[in-house]
Protein backbone atom coordinates (compact mmCIF):
# COMPACT_ATOMS: atom_id res chain seq x y z
CA MET A 1 1.97 -9.50 -1.52
CA LYS A 2 2.60 -6.38 0.41
CA GLN A 3 4.66 -7.91 3.18
CA TYR A 4 7.42 -9.07 0.80
CA ALA A 5 7.80 -5.62 -0.73
CA LEU A 6 7.82 -4.03 2.71
CA LEU A 7 10.43 -6.51 3.97
CA ARG A 8 12.68 -5.75 0.98
CA ILE A 9 12.40 -2.01 1.66
CA LEU A 10 13.24 -2.55 5.33
CA LEU A 11 16.22 -4.75 4.43
CA ALA A 12 17.53 -2.13 1.99
CA CYS A 13 17.16 0.59 4.64
CA PHE A 14 18.99 -1.57 7.17
CA LEU A 15 21.87 -2.11 4.73
CA LEU A 16 22.00 1.65 4.10
CA TYR A 17 22.15 2.19 7.86
CA LEU A 18 25.14 -0.16 8.08
CA ALA A 19 26.93 1.36 5.08
CA TRP A 20 26.37 5.05 5.84
CA PRO A 21 29.49 5.57 8.03
CA ALA A 22 31.71 4.05 5.34
CA ILE A 23 30.20 6.20 2.58
CA ASN A 24 31.29 9.46 4.19
CA GLY A 25 34.84 8.29 4.89
CA GLU A 26 35.90 7.33 1.36
CA VAL A 27 38.10 9.67 -0.67
CA THR A 28 39.45 7.71 -3.66
CA LYS A 29 37.86 7.75 -7.10
CA ALA A 30 37.24 3.99 -7.18
CA SER A 31 35.48 4.01 -3.82
CA SER A 32 33.36 6.97 -4.87
CA VAL A 33 32.25 5.11 -8.02
CA PHE A 34 31.46 2.01 -5.95
CA TRP A 35 29.32 3.93 -3.45
CA ALA A 36 27.56 5.84 -6.25
CA GLY A 37 26.63 2.50 -7.83
CA TRP A 38 25.55 1.12 -4.47
CA LEU A 39 23.32 4.12 -3.75
CA THR A 40 21.84 3.90 -7.25
CA SER A 41 20.98 0.24 -6.63
CA PHE A 42 19.45 1.19 -3.28
CA ILE A 43 17.23 3.80 -4.91
CA LEU A 44 16.12 1.34 -7.61
CA VAL A 45 15.28 -1.37 -5.06
CA VAL A 46 13.32 0.99 -2.82
CA GLY A 47 11.58 2.65 -5.76
CA SER A 48 10.47 -0.59 -7.39
CA ASN A 49 9.19 -2.05 -4.13
CA LEU A 50 7.44 1.20 -3.29
CA ALA A 51 5.73 1.06 -6.69
CA THR A 52 4.60 -2.48 -5.88
CA LEU A 53 3.25 -1.35 -2.50
CA LEU A 54 1.32 1.50 -4.12
CA LYS A 55 0.02 -0.91 -6.80
CA MET A 56 1.55 1.12 -9.62
CA THR A 57 3.03 -2.07 -11.11
CA LYS A 58 2.15 -5.73 -10.99
CA PRO A 59 4.01 -7.76 -8.34
CA PRO A 60 6.58 -10.31 -9.53
CA ALA A 61 5.20 -13.54 -10.95
CA MET A 62 6.25 -15.49 -7.87
CA GLU A 63 4.15 -13.26 -5.61
CA GLN A 64 1.00 -13.11 -7.70
CA GLU A 65 -1.92 -15.00 -6.30
CA ASN A 66 -3.37 -17.70 -8.49
CA LYS A 67 -7.10 -18.01 -8.15
CA LYS A 68 -8.22 -21.18 -9.81
CA GLN A 69 -11.77 -21.23 -11.00
CA TYR A 70 -13.37 -24.59 -11.28
CA GLN A 71 -16.18 -25.20 -13.68
CA PHE A 72 -18.57 -27.94 -12.89
CA GLY A 73 -19.92 -29.39 -16.07
CA LYS A 74 -22.18 -32.22 -16.97
CA ASN A 75 -20.66 -35.61 -16.29
């Protein structure tokens, strides 16, 4: 479903908006490694959800629509 992928992208962008001032102010090695990992996770989340929106991959199993087909046979 497109709305779930779009909501996850918007949530990730909101978290980036909140974290951006702290990213520029860090100077230690440990904080730089943390923010590099955080930005890598952000890119993976946005990229995977963007791929779902563009129908390049199948959506997660929870979001796939099940269409049950009923067969009416002889009783």
